[in-house]
Protein backbone atom coordinates (compact mmCIF):
# COMPACT_ATOMS: atom_id res chain seq x y z
CA MET A 1 0.00 0.00 0.00
CA LEU A 2 1.30 3.48 -0.85
CA ARG A 3 1.38 6.22 1.74
CA SER A 4 1.84 9.94 1.41
CA LEU A 5 4.97 11.44 2.87
CA GLY A 6 4.54 12.40 6.48
CA GLN A 7 1.93 9.76 7.23
CA ARG A 8 2.69 7.14 9.82
CA PRO A 9 1.43 3.58 9.80
CA VAL A 10 -1.19 2.88 12.42
CA THR A 11 -1.91 -0.20 14.45
CA GLY A 12 -5.08 -2.21 13.94
CA SER A 13 -6.77 -0.01 16.52
CA GLY A 14 -5.90 3.16 14.61
CA GLU A 15 -3.24 4.22 17.10
CA ASP A 16 0.09 5.72 16.14
CA PRO A 17 2.66 2.93 16.68
CA ARG A 18 5.11 5.48 18.09
CA ALA A 19 2.64 6.32 20.85
CA VAL A 20 2.08 2.62 21.51
CA GLU A 21 5.85 2.07 21.78
CA LEU A 22 6.21 5.06 24.11
CA ARG A 23 3.35 3.90 26.29
CA THR A 24 4.84 0.39 26.50
CA ALA A 25 8.34 1.63 27.38
CA VAL A 26 7.04 4.09 29.96
CA SER A 27 4.82 1.46 31.56
CA ARG A 28 7.74 -0.95 31.80
CA LEU A 29 10.03 1.64 33.40
CA ARG A 30 7.30 2.69 35.83
CA ARG A 31 6.93 -0.92 36.97
CA GLN A 32 10.70 -1.29 37.32
CA LEU A 33 10.92 1.92 39.32
CA ALA A 34 8.05 0.87 41.59
CA ALA A 35 9.75 -2.48 42.24
CA HIS A 36 13.16 -0.92 42.89
CA PRO A 37 13.74 -1.18 46.65
CA ALA A 38 16.17 1.69 47.13
CA GLU A 39 15.02 5.22 47.75
CA PHE A 40 16.93 8.02 46.06
CA PRO A 41 16.53 11.79 46.20
CA ASP A 42 14.85 12.38 42.83
CA ARG A 43 12.59 9.33 42.73
CA THR A 44 9.48 11.53 42.94
CA VAL A 45 10.69 13.59 39.97
CA ALA A 46 11.12 10.42 37.92
CA GLU A 47 7.67 9.14 38.91
CA GLU A 48 6.00 12.45 38.04
CA GLU A 49 7.70 12.75 34.65
CA LEU A 50 6.93 9.13 33.79
CA ALA A 51 3.29 9.87 34.59
CA ALA A 52 3.48 12.92 32.31
CA LEU A 53 4.98 10.82 29.49
CA ALA A 54 2.26 8.20 29.96
CA ALA A 55 -0.41 10.90 29.68
CA MET A 56 1.21 12.32 26.54
CA ALA A 57 1.33 8.87 24.95
CA VAL A 58 -2.39 8.39 25.54
CA GLY A 59 -3.37 11.91 24.53
CA GLY A 60 -2.51 11.69 20.83
CA THR A 61 0.52 13.23 19.17
CA PRO A 62 2.66 14.65 21.96
CA GLU A 63 4.75 17.81 21.77
CA ILE A 64 8.29 16.70 20.96
CA PRO A 65 10.03 19.38 23.08
CA ARG A 66 7.91 18.33 26.08
CA LEU A 67 8.76 14.65 25.47
CA ARG A 68 12.45 15.49 25.41
CA ARG A 69 12.22 17.65 28.52
CA SER A 70 10.55 14.82 30.44
CA LEU A 71 13.16 12.36 29.19
CA LEU A 72 15.94 14.68 30.36
CA LEU A 73 14.39 15.04 33.82
CA ILE A 74 13.90 11.27 34.12
CA ALA A 75 17.46 10.59 33.02
CA GLY A 76 18.76 13.08 35.55
CA ALA A 77 16.64 11.58 38.30
CA ILE A 78 17.43 7.89 37.76
CA GLY A 79 20.50 7.95 35.53
CA SER A 80 22.80 6.65 38.25
CA VAL A 81 20.56 3.68 39.11
CA SER A 82 22.08 0.94 36.97
CA ALA A 83 19.15 -1.44 37.53
CA LEU A 84 16.92 1.00 35.61
CA ALA A 85 19.33 1.69 32.73
CA ARG A 86 17.70 -0.68 30.22
CA GLY A 87 14.23 0.69 30.90
CA LEU A 88 15.51 4.25 30.57
CA ALA A 89 17.17 3.38 27.26
CA ASP A 90 13.88 1.92 26.00
CA VAL A 91 12.04 5.13 26.90
CA ARG A 92 14.72 7.18 25.14
CA GLN A 93 14.38 5.06 21.99
CA ALA A 94 10.60 5.46 22.09
CA VAL A 95 10.91 9.25 22.42
CA GLU A 96 13.32 9.32 19.48
CA LEU A 97 10.67 7.65 17.29
CA PHE A 98 8.92 11.04 17.28
CA GLY A 99 11.91 12.70 15.66
CA PRO A 100 15.64 13.14 16.05
CA PRO A 101 17.07 15.44 18.71
CA PRO A 102 17.51 19.08 17.69
CA ARG A 103 20.74 19.69 15.81
CA ASP A 104 22.01 22.00 18.51
CA GLY A 105 21.57 19.20 21.06
CA ARG A 106 19.09 21.08 23.22
CA ALA A 107 16.44 19.04 24.96
CA GLY A 108 14.42 21.99 26.24
CA ASP A 109 11.26 23.40 24.77
CA GLY A 110 12.89 26.57 23.48
CA ARG A 111 11.54 28.87 26.16
CA ALA A 112 13.80 31.31 27.95
CA GLY A 113 15.63 29.70 30.81
CA ASP A 114 16.12 26.29 29.17
CA GLY A 115 19.56 24.98 28.61
């Protein structure tokens, strides 16, 4: 079947497969984080941003700068917890399905104060 440029394939339910992948990766990391026995200072930040990513994945096409900002906050919050590294990498890959990082490497949403 031919598709126009810019169109994405959809799953049988009509969902964007990128959103499905993001939702799956976020759900997996949330479960891993909930099961992780150690407390760490930014755990709440990670939990809140994972909840935000989950909401974006359900709500249709998310804003890419907001996705990247949440990913950056999650990585900063749990990046040193090696047991969560694979789940974090999966979330990163799912976010990147929505588009490559900006060429200048910024993960912010472009508002003043980011960076």
